[in-house]
Each structure stands twice: as C-alpha cells, then as structure tokens.
C-alpha cells in the first residue's frame, strides 16, 4: 500500500478481466475525505441539478447544502461515511473545474486521476475510513460500473421488484439521490446490509435483499480467487 498525497493511502482492490481496476482510498480523517470527494461526488450524483454535471464553486455548494438541510452549520463532513466515483465522471468534472475555485483537493484529485489513467482506461475510486459495511457498499457500486455481467444479474433482480416495493424504496432514496442512480443505490444498499433508515420496514424487504446479497457474496468469492486477495 503506497501513500499518495498526505491525506490518504491507496490500495488496488481488484482488476477485472478487461483490465479495469478498483482503487480504495483509505482516510484517517472524515473531514479530509469529505472535502476531497465533495466536488466530484456532487458533480456525479447531486440531488440538486444545479450542481450535478455542472461546474460549481465549493462555497456555493456549501451554502445550498446548509439551506437544503435546514441546518445552522455545514454538516456534510459528518453526514457521509463513504464515497464512490467512476473514472469517466472524474474526468468530466476535471474538465469543467472553475479556474478561480481550484483548491488543494482538486490538485490531489487531478494528480491521482492522471496517475491512474496512465494504467487504466477505465477505473473506479471508493473512499472510506475502514473496511466495514460501507466499504462493501462501495465495492458493490464498483462492480455495477466495472463488471457488465454483475450489472446484468443485478438489473434482472431489480426488474422483478413489484411496483409498490420499488416505489417505497425510491421514495427513501429520493431524499438524498437523483433518479439516475436509484438502481445502482438499490443494489449497493441491499447487497451489503448497509440499509438506509426505513428500508427494513418495507414489507418483504429482507427476503428480497437476500437475493442481492447472495449474488454479491458470490462475486466477492470470484474476485478473491481471481485476484488472490481477501476481501471479507
């Protein structure tokens, strides 16, 4: 495990048959982790279309976040404990950086992206403090992006959900996510027992979640065998 920058260490988790890799950024500080990912995570999947896919300044986002949450302070660095980013979104965000708002976290992300992009034409980043349920939740996101077979299997499970069940799940997800990532978030939460508050109160939830979890666990075993690693 090599140190990159001063706020995280980086570990390659696995590589797919096509040479796409997942990298885990391990932070000691939740504050530094959140500030490092903030611009890129919100560019990728902000619930606010004024930030999602758009160039924006940190202070503009922070001001909106406080108002949106009806809070007296900026709690973003305490509210989120894991992050996930596809390389394509990172690249697009970098290309749209406001010239007068670039900071040390952008410098670190640009350096990291350039270093990893030399080795991979497609990769995925996840960030956590430790290996816990959040770590596996983020791995599920990476599989959904990097492994077409995994995505196909998961989407089949999701397509068989009843309209009522899906509506109830979507209503919970809609409190913090845009519709574009609903199906990805469903599988990440349900595959790893990292449920959002209220999900487990939906009738039949645990039975359905087990289908996602079994598929995910089978993939972990396959990854461990192929990459000669220990994930669990």
C-alpha atoms as a PDB file:
ATOM      1  CA  UNK A   1       0.000   0.000   0.000  1.00  0.00           C
ATOM      2  CA  UNK A   2       1.606   3.257  -1.126  1.00  0.00           C
ATOM      3  CA  UNK A   3       0.979   6.686   0.295  1.00  0.00           C
ATOM      4  CA  UNK A   4      -0.369   9.191  -2.202  1.00  0.00           C
ATOM      5  CA  UNK A   5      -0.528  12.764  -1.008  1.00  0.00           C
ATOM      6  CA  UNK A   6      -0.797  13.481   2.700  1.00  0.00           C
ATOM      7  CA  UNK A   7      -4.434  12.689   3.477  1.00  0.00           C
ATOM      8  CA  UNK A   8      -4.999   9.129   2.218  1.00  0.00           C
ATOM      9  CA  UNK A   9      -3.406   5.856   1.267  1.00  0.00           C
ATOM     10  CA  UNK A  10      -4.394   3.998  -1.871  1.00  0.00           C
ATOM     11  CA  UNK A  11      -4.910   0.289  -2.324  1.00  0.00           C
ATOM     12  CA  UNK A  12      -5.820  -1.548  -5.538  1.00  0.00           C
ATOM     13  CA  UNK A  13      -8.712  -3.819  -4.577  1.00  0.00           C
ATOM     14  CA  UNK A  14      -9.142  -5.853  -7.757  1.00  0.00           C
ATOM     15  CA  UNK A  15      -8.742  -5.825 -11.543  1.00  0.00           C
ATOM     16  CA  UNK A  16     -11.334  -7.175 -13.992  1.00  0.00           C
ATOM     17  CA  UNK A  17     -10.666  -9.443 -16.946  1.00  0.00           C
ATOM     18  CA  UNK A  18     -10.693  -6.364 -19.181  1.00  0.00           C
ATOM     19  CA  UNK A  19      -8.067  -4.644 -17.057  1.00  0.00           C
ATOM     20  CA  UNK A  20     -10.386  -2.222 -15.252  1.00  0.00           C
ATOM     21  CA  UNK A  21      -9.380  -1.594 -11.634  1.00  0.00           C
ATOM     22  CA  UNK A  22     -10.989  -0.598  -8.367  1.00  0.00           C
ATOM     23  CA  UNK A  23      -8.923   1.585  -6.028  1.00  0.00           C
ATOM     24  CA  UNK A  24      -9.701   2.111  -2.362  1.00  0.00           C
ATOM     25  CA  UNK A  25      -8.652   5.434  -0.830  1.00  0.00           C
ATOM     26  CA  UNK A  26      -8.232   4.996   2.912  1.00  0.00           C
ATOM     27  CA  UNK A  27      -8.507   8.138   5.024  1.00  0.00           C
ATOM     28  CA  UNK A  28      -7.840   8.813   8.698  1.00  0.00           C
ATOM     29  CA  UNK A  29      -9.928  11.996   8.730  1.00  0.00           C
ATOM     30  CA  UNK A  30     -13.593  12.062   7.697  1.00  0.00           C
ATOM     31  CA  UNK A  31     -13.277  15.804   7.190  1.00  0.00           C
ATOM     32  CA  UNK A  32     -10.425  15.449   4.692  1.00  0.00           C
ATOM     33  CA  UNK A  33     -12.176  12.559   2.949  1.00  0.00           C
ATOM     34  CA  UNK A  34     -15.391  14.529   2.528  1.00  0.00           C
ATOM     35  CA  UNK A  35     -13.682  17.683   1.300  1.00  0.00           C
ATOM     36  CA  UNK A  36     -11.568  15.669  -1.146  1.00  0.00           C
ATOM     37  CA  UNK A  37     -14.596  13.945  -2.684  1.00  0.00           C
ATOM     38  CA  UNK A  38     -17.190  16.713  -2.344  1.00  0.00           C
ATOM     39  CA  UNK A  39     -16.913  18.434  -5.723  1.00  0.00           C
ATOM     40  CA  UNK A  40     -16.552  15.185  -7.660  1.00  0.00           C
ATOM     41  CA  UNK A  41     -19.227  13.231  -5.797  1.00  0.00           C
ATOM     42  CA  UNK A  42     -21.774  16.023  -6.143  1.00  0.00           C
ATOM     43  CA  UNK A  43     -20.862  16.516  -9.795  1.00  0.00           C
ATOM     44  CA  UNK A  44     -21.609  12.812 -10.266  1.00  0.00           C
ATOM     45  CA  UNK A  45     -24.829  12.411  -8.290  1.00  0.00           C
ATOM     46  CA  UNK A  46     -26.000  15.550  -6.518  1.00  0.00           C
ATOM     47  CA  UNK A  47     -29.705  15.652  -5.810  1.00  0.00           C
ATOM     48  CA  UNK A  48     -29.583  19.280  -6.991  1.00  0.00           C
ATOM     49  CA  UNK A  49     -29.428  19.607 -10.817  1.00  0.00           C
ATOM     50  CA  UNK A  50     -27.675  22.954 -10.404  1.00  0.00           C
ATOM     51  CA  UNK A  51     -24.583  21.022  -9.256  1.00  0.00           C
ATOM     52  CA  UNK A  52     -24.976  17.601 -10.884  1.00  0.00           C
ATOM     53  CA  UNK A  53     -22.929  17.531 -14.065  1.00  0.00           C
ATOM     54  CA  UNK A  54     -22.124  21.250 -13.728  1.00  0.00           C
ATOM     55  CA  UNK A  55     -19.145  23.397 -12.831  1.00  0.00           C
ATOM     56  CA  UNK A  56     -19.690  24.864  -9.372  1.00  0.00           C
ATOM     57  CA  UNK A  57     -17.816  26.544  -6.547  1.00  0.00           C
ATOM     58  CA  UNK A  58     -17.323  24.950  -3.142  1.00  0.00           C
ATOM     59  CA  UNK A  59     -18.856  27.870  -1.245  1.00  0.00           C
ATOM     60  CA  UNK A  60     -21.949  27.867  -3.455  1.00  0.00           C
ATOM     61  CA  UNK A  61     -22.495  24.193  -2.735  1.00  0.00           C
ATOM     62  CA  UNK A  62     -21.861  24.609   0.985  1.00  0.00           C
ATOM     63  CA  UNK A  63     -24.360  27.472   1.206  1.00  0.00           C
ATOM     64  CA  UNK A  64     -27.044  25.481  -0.616  1.00  0.00           C
ATOM     65  CA  UNK A  65     -26.383  22.361   1.485  1.00  0.00           C
ATOM     66  CA  UNK A  66     -26.940  24.225   4.741  1.00  0.00           C
ATOM     67  CA  UNK A  67     -30.209  25.692   3.459  1.00  0.00           C
ATOM     68  CA  UNK A  68     -31.420  22.398   1.983  1.00  0.00           C
ATOM     69  CA  UNK A  69     -30.888  20.599   5.281  1.00  0.00           C
ATOM     70  CA  UNK A  70     -32.365  23.451   7.289  1.00  0.00           C
ATOM     71  CA  UNK A  71     -29.218  23.401   9.404  1.00  0.00           C
ATOM     72  CA  UNK A  72     -27.189  26.052  11.187  1.00  0.00           C
ATOM     73  CA  UNK A  73     -23.850  24.671  10.054  1.00  0.00           C
ATOM     74  CA  UNK A  74     -22.262  22.675   7.240  1.00  0.00           C
ATOM     75  CA  UNK A  75     -22.627  19.030   8.283  1.00  0.00           C
ATOM     76  CA  UNK A  76     -21.566  17.365   5.012  1.00  0.00           C
ATOM     77  CA  UNK A  77     -18.275  16.147   6.501  1.00  0.00           C
ATOM     78  CA  UNK A  78     -20.203  14.294   9.223  1.00  0.00           C
ATOM     79  CA  UNK A  79     -23.181  13.141   7.186  1.00  0.00           C
ATOM     80  CA  UNK A  80     -21.418  10.861   4.699  1.00  0.00           C
ATOM     81  CA  UNK A  81     -19.044   8.000   5.503  1.00  0.00           C
ATOM     82  CA  UNK A  82     -18.263   6.577   2.069  1.00  0.00           C
ATOM     83  CA  UNK A  83     -17.730   7.781  -1.485  1.00  0.00           C
ATOM     84  CA  UNK A  84     -17.688   6.217  -4.949  1.00  0.00           C
ATOM     85  CA  UNK A  85     -16.694   7.602  -8.332  1.00  0.00           C
ATOM     86  CA  UNK A  86     -16.371   6.229 -11.880  1.00  0.00           C
ATOM     87  CA  UNK A  87     -13.334   7.473 -13.784  1.00  0.00           C
ATOM     88  CA  UNK A  88     -15.467   8.889 -16.613  1.00  0.00           C
ATOM     89  CA  UNK A  89     -17.233  11.272 -14.228  1.00  0.00           C
ATOM     90  CA  UNK A  90     -13.964  12.350 -12.594  1.00  0.00           C
ATOM     91  CA  UNK A  91     -12.516  13.190 -15.995  1.00  0.00           C
ATOM     92  CA  UNK A  92     -15.559  15.231 -16.982  1.00  0.00           C
ATOM     93  CA  UNK A  93     -15.562  17.126 -13.682  1.00  0.00           C
ATOM     94  CA  UNK A  94     -11.865  17.975 -14.012  1.00  0.00           C
ATOM     95  CA  UNK A  95     -12.504  19.366 -17.495  1.00  0.00           C
ATOM     96  CA  UNK A  96     -15.114  21.753 -16.048  1.00  0.00           C
ATOM     97  CA  UNK A  97     -13.264  22.987 -12.962  1.00  0.00           C
ATOM     98  CA  UNK A  98     -13.849  26.700 -12.292  1.00  0.00           C
ATOM     99  CA  UNK A  99     -10.444  28.332 -12.791  1.00  0.00           C
ATOM    100  CA  UNK A 100     -10.848  30.664  -9.831  1.00  0.00           C
ATOM    101  CA  UNK A 101     -12.034  27.964  -7.401  1.00  0.00           C
ATOM    102  CA  UNK A 102      -9.386  25.276  -7.713  1.00  0.00           C
ATOM    103  CA  UNK A 103      -8.028  24.114  -4.337  1.00  0.00           C
ATOM    104  CA  UNK A 104      -5.640  21.585  -2.800  1.00  0.00           C
ATOM    105  CA  UNK A 105      -8.228  18.802  -3.066  1.00  0.00           C
ATOM    106  CA  UNK A 106      -8.548  19.404  -6.796  1.00  0.00           C
ATOM    107  CA  UNK A 107      -4.760  19.295  -7.119  1.00  0.00           C
ATOM    108  CA  UNK A 108      -4.716  15.921  -5.365  1.00  0.00           C
ATOM    109  CA  UNK A 109      -7.578  14.551  -7.465  1.00  0.00           C
ATOM    110  CA  UNK A 110      -6.032  15.700 -10.735  1.00  0.00           C
ATOM    111  CA  UNK A 111      -2.693  14.108  -9.842  1.00  0.00           C
ATOM    112  CA  UNK A 112      -4.383  10.889  -8.773  1.00  0.00           C
ATOM    113  CA  UNK A 113      -6.558  10.752 -11.889  1.00  0.00           C
ATOM    114  CA  UNK A 114      -3.583  11.328 -14.197  1.00  0.00           C
ATOM    115  CA  UNK A 115      -1.516   8.654 -12.445  1.00  0.00           C
ATOM    116  CA  UNK A 116      -4.286   6.054 -12.577  1.00  0.00           C
ATOM    117  CA  UNK A 117      -5.417   6.962 -16.079  1.00  0.00           C
ATOM    118  CA  UNK A 118      -1.966   6.027 -17.391  1.00  0.00           C
ATOM    119  CA  UNK A 119      -2.560   2.475 -16.149  1.00  0.00           C
ATOM    120  CA  UNK A 120      -6.289   2.091 -16.873  1.00  0.00           C
ATOM    121  CA  UNK A 121      -8.687   3.427 -19.491  1.00  0.00           C
ATOM    122  CA  UNK A 122     -11.491   2.747 -17.023  1.00  0.00           C
ATOM    123  CA  UNK A 123     -11.324   2.595 -13.239  1.00  0.00           C
ATOM    124  CA  UNK A 124     -13.320   3.266 -10.102  1.00  0.00           C
ATOM    125  CA  UNK A 125     -12.495   5.060  -6.854  1.00  0.00           C
ATOM    126  CA  UNK A 126     -14.013   4.425  -3.464  1.00  0.00           C
ATOM    127  CA  UNK A 127     -13.195   6.193  -0.217  1.00  0.00           C
ATOM    128  CA  UNK A 128     -13.777   5.069   3.370  1.00  0.00           C
ATOM    129  CA  UNK A 129     -12.122   5.209   6.769  1.00  0.00           C
ATOM    130  CA  UNK A 130     -12.026   1.456   7.311  1.00  0.00           C
ATOM    131  CA  UNK A 131     -13.183  -1.904   5.959  1.00  0.00           C
ATOM    132  CA  UNK A 132     -16.746  -2.133   7.209  1.00  0.00           C
ATOM    133  CA  UNK A 133     -20.245  -2.336   5.716  1.00  0.00           C
ATOM    134  CA  UNK A 134     -19.609   0.967   3.939  1.00  0.00           C
ATOM    135  CA  UNK A 135     -16.501  -0.482   2.272  1.00  0.00           C
ATOM    136  CA  UNK A 136     -18.545  -3.351   0.812  1.00  0.00           C
ATOM    137  CA  UNK A 137     -21.346  -0.973  -0.168  1.00  0.00           C
ATOM    138  CA  UNK A 138     -18.821   0.957  -2.264  1.00  0.00           C
ATOM    139  CA  UNK A 139     -17.428  -2.264  -3.770  1.00  0.00           C
ATOM    140  CA  UNK A 140     -20.969  -3.071  -4.944  1.00  0.00           C
ATOM    141  CA  UNK A 141     -21.052   0.278  -6.752  1.00  0.00           C
ATOM    142  CA  UNK A 142     -17.717  -0.502  -8.386  1.00  0.00           C
ATOM    143  CA  UNK A 143     -18.904  -3.909  -9.585  1.00  0.00           C
ATOM    144  CA  UNK A 144     -22.013  -2.322 -11.079  1.00  0.00           C
ATOM    145  CA  UNK A 145     -19.784   0.009 -13.121  1.00  0.00           C
ATOM    146  CA  UNK A 146     -16.853  -2.265 -13.961  1.00  0.00           C
ATOM    147  CA  UNK A 147     -18.464  -5.687 -14.480  1.00  0.00           C
ATOM    148  CA  UNK A 148     -21.219  -5.880 -17.160  1.00  0.00           C
ATOM    149  CA  UNK A 149     -22.172  -9.402 -16.056  1.00  0.00           C
ATOM    150  CA  UNK A 150     -22.719  -8.264 -12.470  1.00  0.00           C
ATOM    151  CA  UNK A 151     -24.825  -5.326 -13.642  1.00  0.00           C
ATOM    152  CA  UNK A 152     -26.913  -7.623 -15.851  1.00  0.00           C
ATOM    153  CA  UNK A 153     -27.589 -10.034 -12.976  1.00  0.00           C
ATOM    154  CA  UNK A 154     -28.462  -7.240 -10.558  1.00  0.00           C
ATOM    155  CA  UNK A 155     -30.691  -5.386 -13.021  1.00  0.00           C
ATOM    156  CA  UNK A 156     -32.623  -8.613 -13.561  1.00  0.00           C
ATOM    157  CA  UNK A 157     -33.360  -8.833  -9.818  1.00  0.00           C
ATOM    158  CA  UNK A 158     -34.401  -5.178  -9.743  1.00  0.00           C
ATOM    159  CA  UNK A 159     -36.640  -5.578 -12.807  1.00  0.00           C
ATOM    160  CA  UNK A 160     -38.633  -8.228 -10.933  1.00  0.00           C
ATOM    161  CA  UNK A 161     -39.427  -5.988  -7.949  1.00  0.00           C
ATOM    162  CA  UNK A 162     -43.100  -5.155  -7.586  1.00  0.00           C
ATOM    163  CA  UNK A 163     -44.085  -1.572  -8.498  1.00  0.00           C
ATOM    164  CA  UNK A 164     -45.186  -0.994  -4.892  1.00  0.00           C
ATOM    165  CA  UNK A 165     -41.914  -2.208  -3.403  1.00  0.00           C
ATOM    166  CA  UNK A 166     -39.837  -0.223  -5.894  1.00  0.00           C
ATOM    167  CA  UNK A 167     -41.896   2.920  -5.237  1.00  0.00           C
ATOM    168  CA  UNK A 168     -41.285   2.643  -1.488  1.00  0.00           C
ATOM    169  CA  UNK A 169     -37.541   2.151  -1.975  1.00  0.00           C
ATOM    170  CA  UNK A 170     -37.320   5.015  -4.454  1.00  0.00           C
ATOM    171  CA  UNK A 171     -39.081   7.364  -2.027  1.00  0.00           C
ATOM    172  CA  UNK A 172     -36.374   6.702   0.567  1.00  0.00           C
ATOM    173  CA  UNK A 173     -33.532   7.083  -1.934  1.00  0.00           C
ATOM    174  CA  UNK A 174     -35.027  10.317  -3.316  1.00  0.00           C
ATOM    175  CA  UNK A 175     -34.217  12.107  -0.052  1.00  0.00           C
ATOM    176  CA  UNK A 176     -30.513  12.231  -0.982  1.00  0.00           C
ATOM    177  CA  UNK A 177     -30.055  10.786  -4.501  1.00  0.00           C
ATOM    178  CA  UNK A 178     -31.143  11.719  -8.039  1.00  0.00           C
ATOM    179  CA  UNK A 179     -33.153   9.219 -10.082  1.00  0.00           C
ATOM    180  CA  UNK A 180     -30.184   8.422 -12.345  1.00  0.00           C
ATOM    181  CA  UNK A 181     -28.520   6.351  -9.596  1.00  0.00           C
ATOM    182  CA  UNK A 182     -31.602   4.744  -7.989  1.00  0.00           C
ATOM    183  CA  UNK A 183     -30.989   1.247  -9.364  1.00  0.00           C
ATOM    184  CA  UNK A 184     -27.286   1.389  -8.523  1.00  0.00           C
ATOM    185  CA  UNK A 185     -28.071   2.546  -4.979  1.00  0.00           C
ATOM    186  CA  UNK A 186     -30.751  -0.108  -4.507  1.00  0.00           C
ATOM    187  CA  UNK A 187     -28.288  -2.868  -5.246  1.00  0.00           C
ATOM    188  CA  UNK A 188     -25.469  -1.360  -3.158  1.00  0.00           C
ATOM    189  CA  UNK A 189     -27.669  -0.947  -0.078  1.00  0.00           C
ATOM    190  CA  UNK A 190     -29.463  -4.263  -0.407  1.00  0.00           C
ATOM    191  CA  UNK A 191     -26.379  -6.315  -1.246  1.00  0.00           C
ATOM    192  CA  UNK A 192     -24.378  -5.241   1.781  1.00  0.00           C
ATOM    193  CA  UNK A 193     -26.784  -4.756   4.714  1.00  0.00           C
ATOM    194  CA  UNK A 194     -25.920  -1.053   4.755  1.00  0.00           C
ATOM    195  CA  UNK A 195     -29.580  -0.105   4.683  1.00  0.00           C
ATOM    196  CA  UNK A 196     -30.925   3.429   4.793  1.00  0.00           C
ATOM    197  CA  UNK A 197     -33.274   4.193   7.663  1.00  0.00           C
ATOM    198  CA  UNK A 198     -36.725   2.838   6.904  1.00  0.00           C
ATOM    199  CA  UNK A 199     -35.758   0.338   4.216  1.00  0.00           C
ATOM    200  CA  UNK A 200     -36.020  -2.682   6.500  1.00  0.00           C
ATOM    201  CA  UNK A 201     -39.559  -1.664   7.474  1.00  0.00           C
ATOM    202  CA  UNK A 202     -40.823  -2.256   3.930  1.00  0.00           C
ATOM    203  CA  UNK A 203     -42.829  -5.474   3.739  1.00  0.00           C
ATOM    204  CA  UNK A 204     -40.742  -8.337   2.333  1.00  0.00           C
ATOM    205  CA  UNK A 205     -37.544  -6.290   2.379  1.00  0.00           C
ATOM    206  CA  UNK A 206     -35.167  -8.779   3.983  1.00  0.00           C
ATOM    207  CA  UNK A 207     -36.305 -11.653   1.741  1.00  0.00           C
ATOM    208  CA  UNK A 208     -35.692  -9.567  -1.364  1.00  0.00           C
ATOM    209  CA  UNK A 209     -32.429  -8.141  -0.020  1.00  0.00           C
ATOM    210  CA  UNK A 210     -31.130 -11.685   0.411  1.00  0.00           C
ATOM    211  CA  UNK A 211     -31.248 -12.183  -3.367  1.00  0.00           C
ATOM    212  CA  UNK A 212     -28.977  -9.181  -3.881  1.00  0.00           C
ATOM    213  CA  UNK A 213     -26.724 -10.216  -1.016  1.00  0.00           C
ATOM    214  CA  UNK A 214     -26.255 -13.776  -2.294  1.00  0.00           C
ATOM    215  CA  UNK A 215     -25.295 -12.515  -5.745  1.00  0.00           C
ATOM    216  CA  UNK A 216     -22.858 -10.010  -4.247  1.00  0.00           C
ATOM    217  CA  UNK A 217     -21.234 -12.607  -1.976  1.00  0.00           C
ATOM    218  CA  UNK A 218     -20.743 -14.959  -4.937  1.00  0.00           C
ATOM    219  CA  UNK A 219     -18.936 -12.164  -6.766  1.00  0.00           C
ATOM    220  CA  UNK A 220     -16.693 -11.482  -3.775  1.00  0.00           C
ATOM    221  CA  UNK A 221     -15.612 -15.124  -3.798  1.00  0.00           C
ATOM    222  CA  UNK A 222     -14.877 -14.945  -7.528  1.00  0.00           C
ATOM    223  CA  UNK A 223     -12.846 -11.764  -7.074  1.00  0.00           C
ATOM    224  CA  UNK A 224     -10.833 -13.239  -4.242  1.00  0.00           C
ATOM    225  CA  UNK A 225      -9.989 -16.347  -6.255  1.00  0.00           C
ATOM    226  CA  UNK A 226      -9.038 -14.408  -9.373  1.00  0.00           C
ATOM    227  CA  UNK A 227      -7.047 -11.673  -7.653  1.00  0.00           C
ATOM    228  CA  UNK A 228      -5.652 -13.869  -4.842  1.00  0.00           C
ATOM    229  CA  UNK A 229      -6.881 -11.443  -2.205  1.00  0.00           C
ATOM    230  CA  UNK A 230      -9.044 -11.455   0.924  1.00  0.00           C
ATOM    231  CA  UNK A 231     -11.982  -9.052   0.814  1.00  0.00           C
ATOM    232  CA  UNK A 232     -14.265 -10.392   3.538  1.00  0.00           C
END
